[in-house]
Amino acid sequence: MDTATRQRLAPAPAGQAMHHLAEAFARVRARSCQLVQPLSAEDCCVQSMPDASPAKWHLAHTTWFFETFILERFEACFQPFHPAFRVLFNSYYEGVGEQHPRAQRGLMTRPALAEVLAYRQNVDQRLQALLAQVQAPDIAGELAMLVELGLQHEQQHQELLLTDIKHLLSMNPLLPPYLGSDAMADAGQGQAGARAMQWQPFAAGIVEVGHDGPGFFFDNETPRHRQFVEPFCMASRLVSNGEYLAFVEDGGYSNPLLWLAAGWEWVVQQKITRPLYWQQAQAQFDSAWREFTLHGLQPLAMHEAVTHLSFFEAEAYARWAGARLPTEAEWETAAAAQGEDYFGVAWQWTTSSYAPYPGYVALPGAVGEYNGKFMVNQYVLRGSSAATPHGHARLSYRNFFPATARWQLSGIRLARS
C-alpha cells in the first residue's frame, strides 16, 4: 500500500494507539448488537423493500467485512467461519467474488440470528487477538487503517439498520414502536420551527472544499480543492414539519409546475401525496396529521424538522418557498462558519451530483469499490442525522442517494442566490 493510500485511510498507530483501536473496535461492535436487542428474531430476518436490508444481514455483513478484508489477509492459518458466508454477506464487492442478490436478503431464514451472533463473536475474538499480537510497524499501520475503515463502515450500517427497522415496522398494520426507542433521538428531534428562520449571507469568492487535516476520512472526500461560489444566503435552520405541511395543504403534490420532470413522473406513478411516514386521520371529527416514528404513531410535531424526504420533494418544496437547495460548496462554506446547527438532526440534500472531486483517485483493490463506483445518478447530502453514531459526522462527509430515496433521515436546508 503506497503512502497516498495510507494518508487517505488514517495515520499509522504509535504507542498506545493499537490499544485504543482495540477499545474502539469493541465499543462499535457492541453498539450494533445493542441496536437489535429490542427486536425479535423475526424482526431481524425480514426485508421490507429491496433498498433496505434485514437487521440480521447488517450484523453479518459488517462482520464479513472484518473477516474478508482483515482476517483473511493477516491471520495465520486463516479459516473462514463458514465458507458460504463469503457470498451470502458480500454486498457489492465484485473484486471479492459473487454476491447473493440484494432483493433476496430477506429470504434467508438461515443462518439463524443465533448463528449470526456467534459469527460476530468468533470474528471479534480473532480480530482482537490479531490486534494484540501484531508487532511489525508496517503491518500494524496497514492493519490499523483497515480496522478503522471497517469501524467507520459499521457505523454507517448502524444508521442504516435503524432506518431500515423503522421502514419495516411502518409496514406492519399494528404500527409497533421500536421498543428501544431510547437507543437514538428519534427522527426530526430538532426544534426547527421553534425559532424564526434567518438568512445568513455569504460573499462571493474562492472557497476550499474537501477533507483537510488529521482524522479519518473516506476517499470521496478528497482531494481538497478550490471552487468559486457566487454570493448566497443560507437558512439558519432546517425546514419544519409545520412549514412542509403548508406545502402539502397548498397542493404541492398536485402542482406539476413545482416539480422537475422526473420528479413529477415519480409522484404520479407512485401516487405520492405526502412525506413517507405521514398519515392523516379519516375519522369524522378527526383529520389530524400523524407521523410514524421509532416510538410508534405520534401526532405530527409541527416544530420538529421534516425528514424522510426525497431529493425531488426537497427540490419542489424549495421552489414553492421561493428558494432553492444549496450546492455542496455552499453548504460546506456555511457549515464551516456556523458549526453545530448543521449536524445531528437530518441529512440535507444539495443540488450537487455525486461525482469525483478534481484529481480523485479511488483506493486500489476491492476496498476501492467502496465509494467511487457509485458516482453516477445520485445526489449528495451533507451534515448528519439523529441516527448518525456519535463521532461519525464531519464537515467534509459526503452522503449520497438516488433522487427518489426517502427512507433515510433526509431533510431540507434552504438557500438563496
Protein backbone atom coordinates (compact mmCIF):
# COMPACT_ATOMS: atom_id res chain seq x y z
CA MET A 1 0.00 0.00 0.00
CA ASP A 2 1.56 3.32 -1.07
CA THR A 3 1.93 6.49 1.02
CA ALA A 4 -1.00 8.28 -0.63
CA THR A 5 -3.30 5.35 0.12
CA ARG A 6 -2.21 5.31 3.75
CA GLN A 7 -2.96 9.01 4.10
CA ARG A 8 -6.45 8.61 2.67
CA LEU A 9 -7.32 5.99 5.26
CA ALA A 10 -5.76 7.04 8.57
CA PRO A 11 -2.43 7.72 10.22
CA ALA A 12 -0.32 4.78 11.35
CA PRO A 13 -0.61 3.79 15.03
CA ALA A 14 2.05 4.54 17.60
CA GLY A 15 2.47 3.66 21.28
CA GLN A 16 -0.95 3.07 22.81
CA ALA A 17 -2.81 3.67 19.56
CA MET A 18 -3.31 -0.04 18.89
CA HIS A 19 -4.76 -0.49 22.37
CA HIS A 20 -7.15 2.41 21.80
CA LEU A 21 -8.12 0.90 18.45
CA ALA A 22 -8.98 -2.38 20.17
CA GLU A 23 -11.19 -0.49 22.62
CA ALA A 24 -12.91 1.37 19.79
CA PHE A 25 -13.44 -1.91 17.96
CA ALA A 26 -15.14 -3.47 20.99
CA ARG A 27 -17.30 -0.40 21.55
CA VAL A 28 -18.55 -0.06 17.97
CA ARG A 29 -19.19 -3.77 17.59
CA ALA A 30 -21.15 -3.89 20.85
CA ARG A 31 -23.26 -0.95 19.74
CA SER A 32 -24.59 -2.82 16.72
CA CYS A 33 -25.76 -5.66 18.95
CA GLN A 34 -27.39 -3.19 21.33
CA LEU A 35 -29.42 -1.74 18.49
CA VAL A 36 -31.06 -5.09 17.70
CA GLN A 37 -31.76 -6.12 21.29
CA PRO A 38 -35.33 -4.72 21.23
CA LEU A 39 -36.11 -6.81 18.13
CA SER A 40 -37.35 -10.36 17.81
CA ALA A 41 -35.60 -12.91 15.64
CA GLU A 42 -38.47 -12.49 13.17
CA ASP A 43 -37.94 -8.72 13.09
CA CYS A 44 -34.26 -9.29 12.28
CA CYS A 45 -34.96 -11.56 9.33
CA VAL A 46 -37.47 -9.56 7.27
CA GLN A 47 -36.64 -7.20 4.39
CA SER A 48 -39.27 -4.51 3.81
CA MET A 49 -38.06 -3.42 0.33
CA PRO A 50 -35.10 -4.07 -1.98
CA ASP A 51 -33.28 -0.92 -0.85
CA ALA A 52 -33.41 -1.98 2.80
CA SER A 53 -31.74 -4.96 4.43
CA PRO A 54 -32.73 -7.21 7.34
CA ALA A 55 -31.11 -6.36 10.67
CA LYS A 56 -29.57 -9.83 10.68
CA TRP A 57 -27.89 -9.10 7.36
CA HIS A 58 -26.41 -5.83 8.66
CA LEU A 59 -24.94 -7.73 11.63
CA ALA A 60 -23.45 -10.37 9.34
CA HIS A 61 -22.21 -8.10 6.55
CA THR A 62 -20.27 -5.83 8.88
CA THR A 63 -18.65 -8.96 10.33
CA TRP A 64 -17.93 -10.25 6.83
CA PHE A 65 -16.04 -7.01 6.16
CA PHE A 66 -13.59 -7.66 9.01
CA GLU A 67 -13.23 -11.35 8.17
CA THR A 68 -12.73 -10.81 4.43
CA PHE A 69 -10.54 -7.73 4.33
CA ILE A 70 -8.54 -8.23 7.53
CA LEU A 71 -8.54 -11.75 8.96
CA GLU A 72 -8.20 -13.43 5.58
CA ARG A 73 -5.20 -11.25 4.88
CA PHE A 74 -3.39 -11.05 8.20
CA GLU A 75 -4.42 -14.07 10.29
CA ALA A 76 -2.05 -17.02 10.29
CA CYS A 77 -3.70 -20.25 9.10
CA PHE A 78 -6.90 -18.39 8.27
CA GLN A 79 -10.07 -20.47 8.10
CA PRO A 80 -13.48 -18.88 7.36
CA PHE A 81 -16.19 -19.18 9.97
CA HIS A 82 -18.46 -20.58 7.25
CA PRO A 83 -17.36 -20.80 3.58
CA ALA A 84 -20.83 -19.88 2.29
CA PHE A 85 -20.81 -16.57 4.14
CA ARG A 86 -18.32 -15.14 1.65
CA VAL A 87 -21.12 -14.99 -0.95
CA LEU A 88 -24.15 -14.59 1.33
CA PHE A 89 -22.90 -11.44 3.03
CA ASN A 90 -20.90 -9.78 0.27
CA SER A 91 -22.78 -6.59 -0.60
CA TYR A 92 -21.31 -5.29 -3.86
CA TYR A 93 -17.57 -6.05 -3.89
CA GLU A 94 -17.04 -7.59 -7.31
CA GLY A 95 -13.33 -7.91 -6.60
CA VAL A 96 -14.12 -10.36 -3.79
CA GLY A 97 -16.46 -12.59 -5.78
CA GLU A 98 -20.15 -13.35 -6.19
CA GLN A 99 -22.93 -11.81 -4.11
CA HIS A 100 -26.31 -13.08 -3.02
CA PRO A 101 -28.98 -10.93 -4.77
CA ARG A 102 -29.74 -7.85 -2.72
CA ALA A 103 -33.51 -8.08 -3.13
CA GLN A 104 -33.45 -11.64 -1.73
CA ARG A 105 -31.69 -10.93 1.56
CA GLY A 106 -34.98 -11.20 3.41
CA LEU A 107 -35.47 -14.77 2.19
CA MET A 108 -32.50 -16.08 4.16
CA THR A 109 -34.11 -17.64 7.20
CA ARG A 110 -30.82 -19.48 7.62
CA PRO A 111 -28.33 -18.82 9.10
CA ALA A 112 -30.44 -18.09 12.15
CA LEU A 113 -29.90 -14.95 14.20
CA ALA A 114 -28.12 -17.00 16.88
CA GLU A 115 -25.59 -18.23 14.32
CA VAL A 116 -25.00 -14.71 13.02
CA LEU A 117 -24.33 -13.55 16.58
CA ALA A 118 -21.94 -16.48 17.02
CA TYR A 119 -20.23 -15.41 13.78
CA ARG A 120 -19.78 -11.91 15.19
CA GLN A 121 -18.36 -13.25 18.44
CA ASN A 122 -15.93 -15.53 16.64
CA VAL A 123 -14.61 -12.81 14.34
CA ASP A 124 -14.40 -10.31 17.18
CA GLN A 125 -12.28 -12.63 19.28
CA ARG A 126 -9.96 -13.43 16.40
CA LEU A 127 -9.52 -9.81 15.39
CA GLN A 128 -8.83 -8.71 18.97
CA ALA A 129 -6.20 -11.43 19.20
CA LEU A 130 -4.67 -10.18 15.96
CA LEU A 131 -4.51 -6.62 17.26
CA ALA A 132 -2.81 -7.82 20.43
CA GLN A 133 -0.21 -9.91 18.60
CA VAL A 134 0.91 -7.78 15.69
CA GLN A 135 4.35 -6.23 16.17
CA ALA A 136 5.84 -5.27 12.80
CA PRO A 137 5.31 -1.49 12.30
CA ASP A 138 4.46 -1.75 8.60
CA ILE A 139 1.87 -4.48 9.22
CA ALA A 140 0.50 -2.70 12.30
CA GLY A 141 -0.02 0.50 10.33
CA GLU A 142 -1.84 -1.16 7.47
CA LEU A 143 -3.90 -3.33 9.83
CA ALA A 144 -4.96 -0.29 11.86
CA MET A 145 -6.04 1.58 8.74
CA LEU A 146 -8.24 -1.29 7.59
CA VAL A 147 -9.76 -1.77 11.05
CA GLU A 148 -10.61 1.94 11.21
CA LEU A 149 -12.21 1.73 7.77
CA GLY A 150 -14.22 -1.28 8.97
CA LEU A 151 -15.40 0.59 12.06
CA GLN A 152 -16.49 3.59 10.01
CA HIS A 153 -18.26 1.19 7.65
CA GLU A 154 -20.05 -0.43 10.60
CA GLN A 155 -21.17 2.95 11.91
CA GLN A 156 -22.72 3.65 8.53
CA HIS A 157 -24.61 0.38 8.84
CA GLN A 158 -25.76 1.26 12.34
CA GLU A 159 -27.61 4.23 10.89
CA LEU A 160 -28.94 2.12 8.01
CA LEU A 161 -30.02 -0.53 10.49
CA LEU A 162 -32.19 1.97 12.36
CA THR A 163 -33.75 3.47 9.25
CA ASP A 164 -34.36 0.00 7.81
CA ILE A 165 -36.02 -1.10 11.06
CA LYS A 166 -38.23 1.98 11.02
CA HIS A 167 -39.34 1.25 7.46
CA LEU A 168 -40.00 -2.38 8.33
CA LEU A 169 -42.13 -1.56 11.37
CA SER A 170 -44.07 1.05 9.41
CA MET A 171 -45.20 -1.70 7.02
CA ASN A 172 -46.80 -3.63 9.88
CA PRO A 173 -50.55 -2.87 10.26
CA LEU A 174 -50.05 -2.82 14.03
CA LEU A 175 -47.56 0.06 13.65
CA PRO A 176 -45.44 -1.27 16.50
CA PRO A 177 -42.85 1.00 18.12
CA TYR A 178 -39.19 0.19 18.16
CA LEU A 179 -39.07 -0.75 21.83
CA GLY A 180 -35.52 0.51 22.18
CA SER A 181 -36.51 4.00 21.10
CA ASP A 182 -34.11 5.42 23.67
CA ALA A 183 -31.31 3.98 21.51
CA MET A 184 -31.44 7.18 19.48
CA ALA A 185 -33.11 10.53 19.48
CA ASP A 186 -35.88 9.91 17.01
CA ALA A 187 -36.19 11.39 13.56
CA GLY A 188 -36.64 15.10 13.39
CA GLN A 189 -35.87 15.83 17.04
CA GLY A 190 -34.54 19.29 16.21
CA GLN A 191 -36.92 22.12 17.03
CA ALA A 192 -36.61 23.58 13.55
CA GLY A 193 -39.68 25.78 13.62
CA ALA A 194 -39.36 26.89 17.24
CA ARG A 195 -37.24 29.85 16.14
CA ALA A 196 -37.62 32.17 13.18
CA MET A 197 -35.71 31.29 10.05
CA GLN A 198 -32.87 33.73 9.40
CA TRP A 199 -30.99 34.16 6.14
CA GLN A 200 -27.25 34.18 6.70
CA PRO A 201 -25.31 35.91 3.87
CA PHE A 202 -22.03 34.74 2.40
CA ALA A 203 -19.87 36.71 0.00
CA ALA A 204 -18.67 35.53 -3.38
CA GLY A 205 -15.21 34.12 -3.56
CA ILE A 206 -12.95 31.13 -3.89
CA VAL A 207 -13.57 28.51 -1.19
CA GLU A 208 -11.81 25.26 -0.36
CA VAL A 209 -13.88 22.09 -0.25
CA GLY A 210 -12.95 18.62 0.98
CA HIS A 211 -11.17 16.98 3.87
CA ASP A 212 -8.31 18.84 5.47
CA GLY A 213 -6.25 17.91 8.50
CA PRO A 214 -5.97 14.84 10.73
CA GLY A 215 -8.59 12.20 11.43
CA PHE A 216 -10.37 9.59 9.38
CA PHE A 217 -11.98 10.41 6.05
CA PHE A 218 -13.34 8.45 3.11
CA ASP A 219 -11.56 8.72 -0.22
CA ASN A 220 -14.53 10.52 -1.82
CA GLU A 221 -13.92 13.49 0.49
CA THR A 222 -10.60 14.19 -1.23
CA PRO A 223 -8.65 15.83 -2.65
CA ARG A 224 -9.30 19.20 -1.06
CA HIS A 225 -9.74 21.67 -3.87
CA ARG A 226 -10.89 25.18 -4.71
CA GLN A 227 -14.26 26.26 -6.05
CA PHE A 228 -15.74 29.65 -6.81
CA VAL A 229 -19.12 30.46 -5.27
CA GLU A 230 -21.35 33.38 -6.13
CA PRO A 231 -22.86 35.38 -3.23
CA PHE A 232 -25.57 33.37 -1.49
CA CYS A 233 -27.66 33.13 1.66
CA MET A 234 -28.25 30.02 3.74
CA ALA A 235 -31.18 29.34 6.05
CA SER A 236 -30.25 29.28 9.73
CA ARG A 237 -32.24 26.10 10.39
CA LEU A 238 -33.93 23.17 8.70
CA VAL A 239 -37.47 23.30 7.32
CA SER A 240 -40.03 22.17 9.90
CA ASN A 241 -42.95 19.75 9.69
CA GLY A 242 -45.35 22.66 10.02
CA GLU A 243 -43.76 24.53 7.14
CA TYR A 244 -43.78 21.45 4.95
CA LEU A 245 -47.42 20.78 5.89
CA ALA A 246 -48.28 24.17 4.40
CA PHE A 247 -46.74 22.98 1.13
CA VAL A 248 -48.82 19.77 1.29
CA GLU A 249 -52.05 21.60 2.06
CA ASP A 250 -51.37 24.16 -0.68
CA GLY A 251 -51.49 21.35 -3.25
CA GLY A 252 -47.75 20.98 -3.59
CA TYR A 253 -48.04 17.34 -4.63
CA SER A 254 -50.61 18.11 -7.32
CA ASN A 255 -48.88 21.07 -8.99
CA PRO A 256 -46.57 19.90 -11.81
CA LEU A 257 -45.07 23.39 -12.14
CA LEU A 258 -43.22 22.88 -8.87
CA TRP A 259 -41.52 19.65 -9.86
CA LEU A 260 -38.67 18.56 -12.07
CA ALA A 261 -39.97 16.42 -14.94
CA ALA A 262 -38.53 13.21 -13.50
CA GLY A 263 -39.84 14.17 -10.07
CA TRP A 264 -43.36 14.77 -11.35
CA GLU A 265 -43.29 11.45 -13.18
CA TRP A 266 -42.25 9.77 -9.92
CA VAL A 267 -45.05 11.50 -7.96
CA VAL A 268 -47.69 10.47 -10.49
CA GLN A 269 -46.53 6.88 -10.97
CA GLN A 270 -46.04 6.23 -7.25
CA LYS A 271 -49.15 8.20 -6.22
CA ILE A 272 -47.12 10.22 -3.71
CA THR A 273 -49.17 12.79 -1.77
CA ARG A 274 -47.18 13.38 1.44
CA PRO A 275 -43.90 12.50 3.18
CA LEU A 276 -43.17 8.83 3.69
CA TYR A 277 -44.34 8.35 7.28
CA TRP A 278 -47.15 10.90 7.46
CA GLN A 279 -50.75 9.82 7.93
CA GLN A 280 -53.95 11.84 8.13
CA ALA A 281 -56.79 10.55 10.25
CA GLN A 282 -60.02 9.89 8.35
CA ALA A 283 -62.47 9.93 11.26
CA GLN A 284 -65.46 12.28 11.04
CA PHE A 285 -64.20 14.58 13.77
CA ASP A 286 -60.50 13.91 13.43
CA SER A 287 -58.40 14.94 10.45
CA ALA A 288 -55.18 15.47 12.38
CA TRP A 289 -51.84 14.59 10.88
CA ARG A 290 -49.70 11.92 12.48
CA GLU A 291 -46.25 10.53 11.79
CA PHE A 292 -44.85 7.05 12.29
CA THR A 293 -41.69 7.25 14.39
CA LEU A 294 -39.48 4.80 16.22
CA HIS A 295 -41.80 5.49 19.15
CA GLY A 296 -44.77 4.36 17.05
CA LEU A 297 -47.50 6.55 15.58
CA GLN A 298 -47.35 10.06 17.06
CA PRO A 299 -49.06 13.41 16.45
CA LEU A 300 -47.13 15.37 13.84
CA ALA A 301 -44.71 17.60 15.76
CA MET A 302 -45.03 20.90 13.90
CA HIS A 303 -41.83 22.47 15.20
CA GLU A 304 -39.59 19.49 14.51
CA ALA A 305 -37.56 19.22 11.32
CA VAL A 306 -39.29 17.46 8.44
CA THR A 307 -37.47 14.27 7.48
CA HIS A 308 -37.68 11.31 5.11
CA LEU A 309 -37.94 13.45 2.00
CA SER A 310 -36.59 12.55 -1.41
CA PHE A 311 -34.44 14.95 -3.42
CA PHE A 312 -37.46 15.54 -5.66
CA GLU A 313 -39.64 16.53 -2.69
CA ALA A 314 -36.95 18.77 -1.22
CA GLU A 315 -36.37 20.48 -4.56
CA ALA A 316 -40.09 21.03 -5.17
CA TYR A 317 -40.59 22.49 -1.69
CA ALA A 318 -37.65 24.85 -2.18
CA ARG A 319 -39.19 26.16 -5.41
CA TRP A 320 -42.58 26.58 -3.71
CA ALA A 321 -40.88 28.51 -0.88
CA GLY A 322 -39.15 30.88 -3.29
CA ALA A 323 -35.74 29.46 -2.56
CA ARG A 324 -33.52 26.60 -3.70
CA LEU A 325 -31.31 23.84 -2.35
CA PRO A 326 -27.63 24.64 -1.73
CA THR A 327 -24.67 23.27 -3.61
CA GLU A 328 -22.08 21.17 -1.80
CA ALA A 329 -19.61 24.05 -1.80
CA GLU A 330 -22.19 26.46 -0.39
CA TRP A 331 -23.22 24.01 2.31
CA GLU A 332 -19.65 23.30 3.41
CA THR A 333 -18.80 27.02 3.43
CA ALA A 334 -21.82 27.86 5.58
CA ALA A 335 -21.40 24.87 7.90
CA ALA A 336 -17.75 25.73 8.48
CA ALA A 337 -18.83 29.20 9.63
CA GLN A 338 -21.96 28.23 11.60
CA GLY A 339 -20.93 24.94 13.20
CA GLU A 340 -23.16 22.55 15.13
CA ASP A 341 -26.51 23.79 13.79
CA TYR A 342 -25.77 21.88 10.59
CA PHE A 343 -25.43 18.46 12.23
CA GLY A 344 -27.35 15.87 14.22
CA VAL A 345 -30.95 16.20 13.01
CA ALA A 346 -31.29 15.33 9.32
CA TRP A 347 -29.09 14.86 6.30
CA GLN A 348 -29.55 17.82 3.97
CA TRP A 349 -29.99 17.47 0.23
CA THR A 350 -27.80 19.51 -2.08
CA THR A 351 -28.12 20.10 -5.82
CA SER A 352 -24.66 18.63 -6.37
CA SER A 353 -24.48 15.36 -8.24
CA TYR A 354 -22.36 12.73 -6.54
CA ALA A 355 -19.25 12.93 -8.68
CA PRO A 356 -15.50 12.74 -8.10
CA TYR A 357 -13.63 15.79 -6.91
CA PRO A 358 -10.93 17.08 -9.30
CA GLY A 359 -7.96 14.75 -9.01
CA TYR A 360 -9.88 11.99 -7.19
CA VAL A 361 -8.31 8.53 -7.28
CA ALA A 362 -10.12 5.55 -5.78
CA LEU A 363 -8.30 3.26 -3.38
CA PRO A 364 -6.67 0.23 -5.00
CA GLY A 365 -8.14 -3.26 -4.79
CA ALA A 366 -11.57 -4.32 -3.58
CA VAL A 367 -11.78 -1.57 -0.92
CA GLY A 368 -11.62 0.87 -3.83
CA GLU A 369 -15.17 -0.22 -4.70
CA TYR A 370 -16.40 1.43 -1.51
CA ASN A 371 -17.29 4.85 -2.95
CA GLY A 372 -16.03 5.54 -6.45
CA LYS A 373 -18.17 3.04 -8.33
CA PHE A 374 -21.38 4.79 -7.20
CA MET A 375 -20.54 8.20 -8.65
CA VAL A 376 -23.47 8.33 -11.08
CA ASN A 377 -27.21 9.13 -10.85
CA GLN A 378 -27.07 10.18 -7.19
CA TYR A 379 -27.19 13.44 -5.25
CA VAL A 380 -25.03 14.47 -2.32
CA LEU A 381 -26.43 15.01 1.16
CA ARG A 382 -24.43 16.80 3.82
CA GLY A 383 -24.40 17.02 7.62
CA SER A 384 -25.64 14.11 9.72
CA SER A 385 -28.87 12.88 11.28
CA ALA A 386 -30.30 11.92 14.64
CA ALA A 387 -29.37 8.32 13.80
CA THR A 388 -25.74 9.05 12.90
CA PRO A 389 -23.45 7.48 15.53
CA HIS A 390 -21.64 9.86 17.84
CA GLY A 391 -18.32 10.95 16.40
CA HIS A 392 -19.10 9.75 12.89
CA ALA A 393 -20.07 13.13 11.38
CA ARG A 394 -17.63 15.69 10.00
CA LEU A 395 -17.67 18.77 7.81
CA SER A 396 -16.42 17.09 4.63
CA TYR A 397 -18.59 13.93 4.84
CA ARG A 398 -20.40 13.18 1.56
CA ASN A 399 -23.51 11.03 1.87
CA PHE A 400 -25.30 10.12 -1.35
CA PHE A 401 -28.58 8.59 -2.51
CA PRO A 402 -30.74 8.47 -5.65
CA ALA A 403 -33.24 11.30 -6.13
CA THR A 404 -36.18 9.07 -5.12
CA ALA A 405 -34.71 7.76 -1.85
CA ARG A 406 -36.64 8.88 1.21
CA TRP A 407 -36.43 6.16 3.85
CA GLN A 408 -33.29 7.83 5.16
CA LEU A 409 -33.37 10.76 7.60
CA SER A 410 -33.13 13.39 4.88
CA GLY A 411 -34.45 16.94 5.21
CA ILE A 412 -34.18 20.45 3.79
CA ARG A 413 -31.93 23.44 4.40
CA LEU A 414 -32.83 26.23 2.03
CA ALA A 415 -30.50 28.56 0.14
CA ARG A 416 -30.97 31.71 -1.92
CA SER A 417 -28.85 33.40 -4.55
